[in-house]
Amino acid sequence: MELAKIIGVGLVTAIAALILKSSKPELAFAVTIAGGVIILIFALDMLGASLRIFTDIAEKTGIDQSLVKIILKIVAIGYLVEFSAGIVEDFGSKSIADKLVLAGKIIIFTVSIPIIQSLITLIGNILELI
């Protein structure tokens, strides 16, 4: 049901912006922003439930909570950078959008270093057992 709401808001926003674009471009821009904000509110509401599931999985499997937080940060960084780059590209600055994506990838790599260290330690421990 939530997906239908999100799609509905997206379609109504796109049609309204298209209709207003020829007569009142500044109003079309405002409608686009408002529609985007409403879609984000719906999506963030759904995200809250998903985050609780990850916490439950970490507790049941015994995975360190800090690793789960890092994974969630990586996913959030990816989404935010992609969203920001899309907005910047919509404003006509593809080169800036590309640089945002590159910076996001560098940040994701930097944030993921503790996970890489944990994997290397785990592989080392397994090799010692063999």
N, C-alpha and C. Protein backbone atom coordinates (compact mmCIF):
# COMPACT_ATOMS: atom_id res chain seq x y z
N MET A 1 0.82 -1.19 0.00
CA MET A 1 0.00 0.00 0.00
C MET A 1 0.87 1.26 0.00
N GLU A 2 1.97 1.20 0.74
CA GLU A 2 2.87 2.36 0.80
C GLU A 2 3.44 2.67 -0.59
N LEU A 3 3.76 1.61 -1.33
CA LEU A 3 4.31 1.80 -2.67
C LEU A 3 3.32 2.53 -3.56
N ALA A 4 2.05 2.18 -3.44
CA ALA A 4 1.03 2.86 -4.24
C ALA A 4 0.96 4.35 -3.90
N LYS A 5 1.09 4.67 -2.62
CA LYS A 5 1.08 6.08 -2.21
C LYS A 5 2.28 6.82 -2.81
N ILE A 6 3.44 6.19 -2.74
CA ILE A 6 4.65 6.84 -3.25
C ILE A 6 4.55 7.05 -4.76
N ILE A 7 4.10 6.03 -5.47
CA ILE A 7 3.95 6.15 -6.92
C ILE A 7 2.91 7.20 -7.26
N GLY A 8 1.81 7.22 -6.51
CA GLY A 8 0.77 8.22 -6.75
C GLY A 8 1.28 9.64 -6.57
N VAL A 9 1.99 9.86 -5.49
CA VAL A 9 2.55 11.21 -5.26
C VAL A 9 3.53 11.57 -6.37
N GLY A 10 4.34 10.61 -6.80
CA GLY A 10 5.31 10.87 -7.87
C GLY A 10 4.62 11.23 -9.17
N LEU A 11 3.59 10.48 -9.53
CA LEU A 11 2.88 10.76 -10.78
C LEU A 11 2.16 12.10 -10.74
N VAL A 12 1.47 12.37 -9.63
CA VAL A 12 0.76 13.65 -9.51
C VAL A 12 1.74 14.82 -9.54
N THR A 13 2.86 14.66 -8.87
CA THR A 13 3.88 15.72 -8.86
C THR A 13 4.42 15.96 -10.26
N ALA A 14 4.75 14.88 -10.96
CA ALA A 14 5.32 15.02 -12.31
C ALA A 14 4.33 15.67 -13.27
N ILE A 15 3.07 15.25 -13.20
CA ILE A 15 2.06 15.82 -14.10
C ILE A 15 1.81 17.29 -13.77
N ALA A 16 1.69 17.61 -12.48
CA ALA A 16 1.47 19.00 -12.08
C ALA A 16 2.64 19.88 -12.48
N ALA A 17 3.85 19.39 -12.29
CA ALA A 17 5.03 20.18 -12.67
C ALA A 17 5.08 20.39 -14.18
N LEU A 18 4.72 19.37 -14.94
CA LEU A 18 4.73 19.48 -16.40
C LEU A 18 3.70 20.49 -16.88
N ILE A 19 2.52 20.48 -16.27
CA ILE A 19 1.47 21.43 -16.64
C ILE A 19 1.88 22.85 -16.27
N LEU A 20 2.48 23.03 -15.10
CA LEU A 20 2.84 24.36 -14.63
C LEU A 20 4.12 24.91 -15.27
N LYS A 21 4.92 24.04 -15.85
CA LYS A 21 6.23 24.45 -16.37
C LYS A 21 6.13 25.52 -17.44
N SER A 22 5.14 25.44 -18.30
CA SER A 22 5.03 26.43 -19.39
C SER A 22 4.48 27.77 -18.91
N SER A 23 3.58 27.75 -17.94
CA SER A 23 2.97 29.01 -17.51
C SER A 23 3.66 29.63 -16.30
N LYS A 24 4.02 28.83 -15.32
CA LYS A 24 4.65 29.33 -14.09
C LYS A 24 5.79 28.41 -13.69
N PRO A 25 6.97 28.60 -14.27
CA PRO A 25 8.08 27.69 -13.98
C PRO A 25 8.52 27.69 -12.52
N GLU A 26 8.40 28.84 -11.83
CA GLU A 26 8.80 28.88 -10.43
C GLU A 26 7.85 28.06 -9.56
N LEU A 27 6.58 28.01 -9.92
CA LEU A 27 5.61 27.20 -9.19
C LEU A 27 5.84 25.71 -9.49
N ALA A 28 6.22 25.40 -10.72
CA ALA A 28 6.53 24.01 -11.08
C ALA A 28 7.70 23.50 -10.24
N PHE A 29 8.68 24.36 -10.03
CA PHE A 29 9.83 23.99 -9.20
C PHE A 29 9.39 23.72 -7.76
N ALA A 30 8.52 24.57 -7.23
CA ALA A 30 8.03 24.40 -5.86
C ALA A 30 7.21 23.11 -5.72
N VAL A 31 6.40 22.80 -6.73
CA VAL A 31 5.61 21.57 -6.71
C VAL A 31 6.53 20.35 -6.73
N THR A 32 7.59 20.41 -7.53
CA THR A 32 8.55 19.32 -7.61
C THR A 32 9.24 19.09 -6.26
N ILE A 33 9.66 20.17 -5.62
CA ILE A 33 10.30 20.06 -4.31
C ILE A 33 9.33 19.49 -3.28
N ALA A 34 8.10 19.98 -3.27
CA ALA A 34 7.11 19.50 -2.30
C ALA A 34 6.82 18.01 -2.51
N GLY A 35 6.68 17.61 -3.76
CA GLY A 35 6.44 16.20 -4.04
C GLY A 35 7.61 15.33 -3.61
N GLY A 36 8.82 15.81 -3.84
CA GLY A 36 10.01 15.07 -3.41
C GLY A 36 10.08 14.91 -1.91
N VAL A 37 9.72 15.96 -1.19
CA VAL A 37 9.73 15.91 0.28
C VAL A 37 8.69 14.91 0.79
N ILE A 38 7.51 14.92 0.19
CA ILE A 38 6.45 13.97 0.61
C ILE A 38 6.90 12.53 0.36
N ILE A 39 7.51 12.28 -0.79
CA ILE A 39 8.00 10.93 -1.11
C ILE A 39 9.06 10.52 -0.10
N LEU A 40 9.97 11.43 0.24
CA LEU A 40 11.00 11.11 1.23
C LEU A 40 10.42 10.80 2.60
N ILE A 41 9.39 11.51 2.99
CA ILE A 41 8.74 11.25 4.29
C ILE A 41 8.16 9.84 4.31
N PHE A 42 7.48 9.45 3.22
CA PHE A 42 6.94 8.08 3.14
C PHE A 42 8.07 7.05 3.21
N ALA A 43 9.15 7.31 2.48
CA ALA A 43 10.26 6.35 2.42
C ALA A 43 10.96 6.24 3.78
N LEU A 44 11.15 7.35 4.46
CA LEU A 44 11.81 7.32 5.76
C LEU A 44 10.97 6.59 6.80
N ASP A 45 9.67 6.69 6.68
CA ASP A 45 8.79 5.96 7.59
C ASP A 45 8.97 4.46 7.42
N MET A 46 9.09 4.02 6.18
CA MET A 46 9.32 2.60 5.91
C MET A 46 10.72 2.17 6.35
N LEU A 47 11.66 3.07 6.28
CA LEU A 47 13.04 2.75 6.64
C LEU A 47 13.18 2.44 8.13
N GLY A 48 12.42 3.12 8.96
CA GLY A 48 12.49 2.89 10.40
C GLY A 48 12.23 1.45 10.77
N ALA A 49 11.23 0.83 10.16
CA ALA A 49 10.91 -0.57 10.44
C ALA A 49 12.05 -1.48 10.00
N SER A 50 12.67 -1.17 8.88
CA SER A 50 13.77 -1.99 8.37
C SER A 50 14.97 -1.93 9.30
N LEU A 51 15.26 -0.78 9.87
CA LEU A 51 16.40 -0.65 10.76
C LEU A 51 16.23 -1.50 12.02
N ARG A 52 15.01 -1.60 12.51
CA ARG A 52 14.75 -2.44 13.68
C ARG A 52 15.02 -3.92 13.36
N ILE A 53 14.74 -4.33 12.16
CA ILE A 53 14.99 -5.72 11.76
C ILE A 53 16.49 -6.01 11.78
N PHE A 54 17.31 -5.07 11.29
CA PHE A 54 18.76 -5.27 11.31
C PHE A 54 19.28 -5.39 12.73
N THR A 55 18.74 -4.60 13.64
CA THR A 55 19.17 -4.68 15.03
C THR A 55 18.81 -6.03 15.63
N ASP A 56 17.63 -6.52 15.32
CA ASP A 56 17.22 -7.84 15.82
C ASP A 56 18.11 -8.94 15.27
N ILE A 57 18.45 -8.87 14.00
CA ILE A 57 19.33 -9.88 13.38
C ILE A 57 20.70 -9.87 14.07
N ALA A 58 21.22 -8.69 14.32
CA ALA A 58 22.54 -8.58 14.97
C ALA A 58 22.51 -9.19 16.36
N GLU A 59 21.44 -8.96 17.10
CA GLU A 59 21.34 -9.51 18.45
C GLU A 59 21.24 -11.03 18.43
N LYS A 60 20.47 -11.58 17.49
CA LYS A 60 20.26 -13.02 17.42
C LYS A 60 21.50 -13.78 16.92
N THR A 61 22.26 -13.16 16.04
CA THR A 61 23.43 -13.84 15.48
C THR A 61 24.71 -13.57 16.25
N GLY A 62 24.71 -12.59 17.13
CA GLY A 62 25.90 -12.28 17.90
C GLY A 62 26.89 -11.41 17.16
N ILE A 63 26.47 -10.83 16.05
CA ILE A 63 27.34 -9.93 15.30
C ILE A 63 27.51 -8.64 16.10
N ASP A 64 28.71 -8.11 16.09
CA ASP A 64 29.00 -6.88 16.82
C ASP A 64 28.12 -5.75 16.30
N GLN A 65 27.48 -5.05 17.21
CA GLN A 65 26.58 -3.94 16.84
C GLN A 65 27.30 -2.86 16.05
N SER A 66 28.58 -2.64 16.34
CA SER A 66 29.30 -1.58 15.63
C SER A 66 29.44 -1.92 14.15
N LEU A 67 29.58 -3.21 13.82
CA LEU A 67 29.67 -3.59 12.41
C LEU A 67 28.34 -3.37 11.69
N VAL A 68 27.25 -3.65 12.36
CA VAL A 68 25.93 -3.42 11.77
C VAL A 68 25.73 -1.92 11.54
N LYS A 69 26.14 -1.12 12.51
CA LYS A 69 26.01 0.33 12.35
C LYS A 69 26.83 0.83 11.16
N ILE A 70 28.02 0.27 10.98
CA ILE A 70 28.87 0.68 9.86
C ILE A 70 28.20 0.31 8.54
N ILE A 71 27.64 -0.88 8.47
CA ILE A 71 26.96 -1.30 7.24
C ILE A 71 25.78 -0.38 6.94
N LEU A 72 25.02 -0.04 7.96
CA LEU A 72 23.89 0.87 7.76
C LEU A 72 24.36 2.27 7.35
N LYS A 73 25.50 2.71 7.91
CA LYS A 73 26.06 4.01 7.50
C LYS A 73 26.46 3.98 6.03
N ILE A 74 27.06 2.87 5.60
CA ILE A 74 27.48 2.74 4.21
C ILE A 74 26.28 2.82 3.28
N VAL A 75 25.22 2.11 3.63
CA VAL A 75 24.00 2.15 2.81
C VAL A 75 23.42 3.57 2.79
N ALA A 76 23.39 4.22 3.94
CA ALA A 76 22.85 5.59 4.02
C ALA A 76 23.69 6.56 3.19
N ILE A 77 24.99 6.43 3.27
CA ILE A 77 25.87 7.31 2.49
C ILE A 77 25.61 7.10 1.00
N GLY A 78 25.50 5.85 0.60
CA GLY A 78 25.23 5.56 -0.81
C GLY A 78 23.94 6.19 -1.29
N TYR A 79 22.87 6.03 -0.51
CA TYR A 79 21.58 6.61 -0.89
C TYR A 79 21.63 8.13 -0.92
N LEU A 80 22.22 8.73 0.10
CA LEU A 80 22.27 10.20 0.16
C LEU A 80 23.09 10.79 -0.98
N VAL A 81 24.22 10.15 -1.27
CA VAL A 81 25.06 10.66 -2.35
C VAL A 81 24.35 10.52 -3.69
N GLU A 82 23.71 9.37 -3.92
CA GLU A 82 22.99 9.16 -5.17
C GLU A 82 21.84 10.16 -5.32
N PHE A 83 21.11 10.38 -4.23
CA PHE A 83 20.01 11.35 -4.25
C PHE A 83 20.53 12.76 -4.51
N SER A 84 21.59 13.14 -3.82
CA SER A 84 22.16 14.48 -4.01
C SER A 84 22.69 14.66 -5.42
N ALA A 85 23.37 13.64 -5.92
CA ALA A 85 23.91 13.73 -7.28
C ALA A 85 22.79 13.85 -8.30
N GLY A 86 21.68 13.16 -8.06
CA GLY A 86 20.54 13.27 -8.97
C GLY A 86 19.96 14.67 -8.98
N ILE A 87 19.86 15.28 -7.80
CA ILE A 87 19.34 16.65 -7.72
C ILE A 87 20.28 17.62 -8.43
N VAL A 88 21.58 17.47 -8.17
CA VAL A 88 22.55 18.37 -8.79
C VAL A 88 22.52 18.19 -10.31
N GLU A 89 22.38 16.95 -10.77
CA GLU A 89 22.31 16.71 -12.21
C GLU A 89 21.04 17.31 -12.81
N ASP A 90 19.93 17.27 -12.06
CA ASP A 90 18.69 17.90 -12.52
C ASP A 90 18.86 19.40 -12.69
N PHE A 91 19.73 19.99 -11.89
CA PHE A 91 20.01 21.42 -12.01
C PHE A 91 20.98 21.72 -13.15
N GLY A 92 21.44 20.68 -13.84
CA GLY A 92 22.28 20.88 -15.01
C GLY A 92 23.77 20.82 -14.75
N SER A 93 24.20 20.32 -13.62
CA SER A 93 25.62 20.26 -13.29
C SER A 93 26.09 18.80 -13.21
N LYS A 94 26.16 18.15 -14.36
CA LYS A 94 26.55 16.74 -14.39
C LYS A 94 27.96 16.54 -13.85
N SER A 95 28.87 17.46 -14.14
CA SER A 95 30.25 17.29 -13.67
C SER A 95 30.33 17.34 -12.14
N ILE A 96 29.56 18.22 -11.53
CA ILE A 96 29.52 18.28 -10.06
C ILE A 96 28.88 17.01 -9.50
N ALA A 97 27.84 16.52 -10.17
CA ALA A 97 27.18 15.29 -9.72
C ALA A 97 28.17 14.12 -9.76
N ASP A 98 28.97 14.04 -10.81
CA ASP A 98 29.97 12.97 -10.91
C ASP A 98 30.99 13.07 -9.78
N LYS A 99 31.37 14.28 -9.44
CA LYS A 99 32.33 14.46 -8.35
C LYS A 99 31.71 14.10 -7.00
N LEU A 100 30.43 14.37 -6.83
CA LEU A 100 29.74 13.95 -5.61
C LEU A 100 29.75 12.43 -5.48
N VAL A 101 29.49 11.74 -6.58
CA VAL A 101 29.49 10.28 -6.56
C VAL A 101 30.88 9.76 -6.21
N LEU A 102 31.92 10.35 -6.80
CA LEU A 102 33.30 9.93 -6.49
C LEU A 102 33.61 10.16 -5.01
N ALA A 103 33.25 11.33 -4.50
CA ALA A 103 33.49 11.62 -3.09
C ALA A 103 32.73 10.64 -2.19
N GLY A 104 31.51 10.29 -2.58
CA GLY A 104 30.74 9.32 -1.82
C GLY A 104 31.41 7.96 -1.79
N LYS A 105 31.97 7.54 -2.91
CA LYS A 105 32.67 6.26 -2.96
C LYS A 105 33.91 6.27 -2.06
N ILE A 106 34.61 7.37 -2.04
CA ILE A 106 35.79 7.49 -1.17
C ILE A 106 35.37 7.44 0.29
N ILE A 107 34.29 8.13 0.62
CA ILE A 107 33.79 8.12 2.00
C ILE A 107 33.35 6.71 2.40
N ILE A 108 32.65 6.02 1.50
CA ILE A 108 32.22 4.65 1.78
C ILE A 108 33.43 3.75 2.02
N PHE A 109 34.46 3.89 1.22
CA PHE A 109 35.67 3.09 1.43
C PHE A 109 36.28 3.38 2.80
N THR A 110 36.35 4.65 3.15
CA THR A 110 36.94 5.04 4.43
C THR A 110 36.13 4.49 5.61
N VAL A 111 34.81 4.59 5.51
CA VAL A 111 33.95 4.11 6.59
C VAL A 111 34.02 2.58 6.70
N SER A 112 34.27 1.90 5.59
CA SER A 112 34.26 0.43 5.60
C SER A 112 35.57 -0.19 6.08
N ILE A 113 36.57 0.60 6.38
CA ILE A 113 37.86 0.05 6.82
C ILE A 113 37.74 -0.85 8.06
N PRO A 114 36.95 -0.52 9.08
CA PRO A 114 36.81 -1.47 10.21
C PRO A 114 36.24 -2.83 9.80
N ILE A 115 35.35 -2.84 8.83
CA ILE A 115 34.81 -4.12 8.35
C ILE A 115 35.90 -4.92 7.64
N ILE A 116 36.70 -4.23 6.85
CA ILE A 116 37.81 -4.90 6.16
C ILE A 116 38.80 -5.46 7.17
N GLN A 117 39.09 -4.69 8.22
CA GLN A 117 39.99 -5.18 9.27
C GLN A 117 39.41 -6.41 9.96
N SER A 118 38.11 -6.40 10.24
CA SER A 118 37.48 -7.57 10.87
C SER A 118 37.55 -8.79 9.98
N LEU A 119 37.35 -8.60 8.69
CA LEU A 119 37.42 -9.72 7.76
C LEU A 119 38.84 -10.30 7.68
N ILE A 120 39.82 -9.42 7.64
CA ILE A 120 41.20 -9.89 7.59
C ILE A 120 41.56 -10.65 8.87
N THR A 121 41.12 -10.15 10.01
CA THR A 121 41.36 -10.85 11.29
C THR A 121 40.67 -12.21 11.29
N LEU A 122 39.44 -12.26 10.81
CA LEU A 122 38.70 -13.52 10.76
C LEU A 122 39.39 -14.53 9.83
N ILE A 123 39.84 -14.07 8.69
CA ILE A 123 40.54 -14.95 7.74
C ILE A 123 41.84 -15.44 8.38
N GLY A 124 42.56 -14.56 9.05
CA GLY A 124 43.79 -14.95 9.75
C GLY A 124 43.54 -16.00 10.80
N ASN A 125 42.46 -15.84 11.57
CA ASN A 125 42.12 -16.83 12.60
C ASN A 125 41.76 -18.18 11.98
N ILE A 126 41.04 -18.15 10.87
CA ILE A 126 40.67 -19.39 10.20
C ILE A 126 41.92 -20.10 9.67
N LEU A 127 42.85 -19.33 9.10
CA LEU A 127 44.07 -19.92 8.56
C LEU A 127 44.93 -20.51 9.66
N GLU A 128 44.91 -19.93 10.85
CA GLU A 128 45.67 -20.48 11.97
C GLU A 128 45.10 -21.82 12.42
N LEU A 129 43.80 -21.99 12.28
CA LEU A 129 43.18 -23.24 12.68
C LEU A 129 43.49 -24.38 11.71
N ILE A 130 43.81 -24.03 10.49
CA ILE A 130 44.09 -25.05 9.47
C ILE A 130 45.47 -25.50 9.58
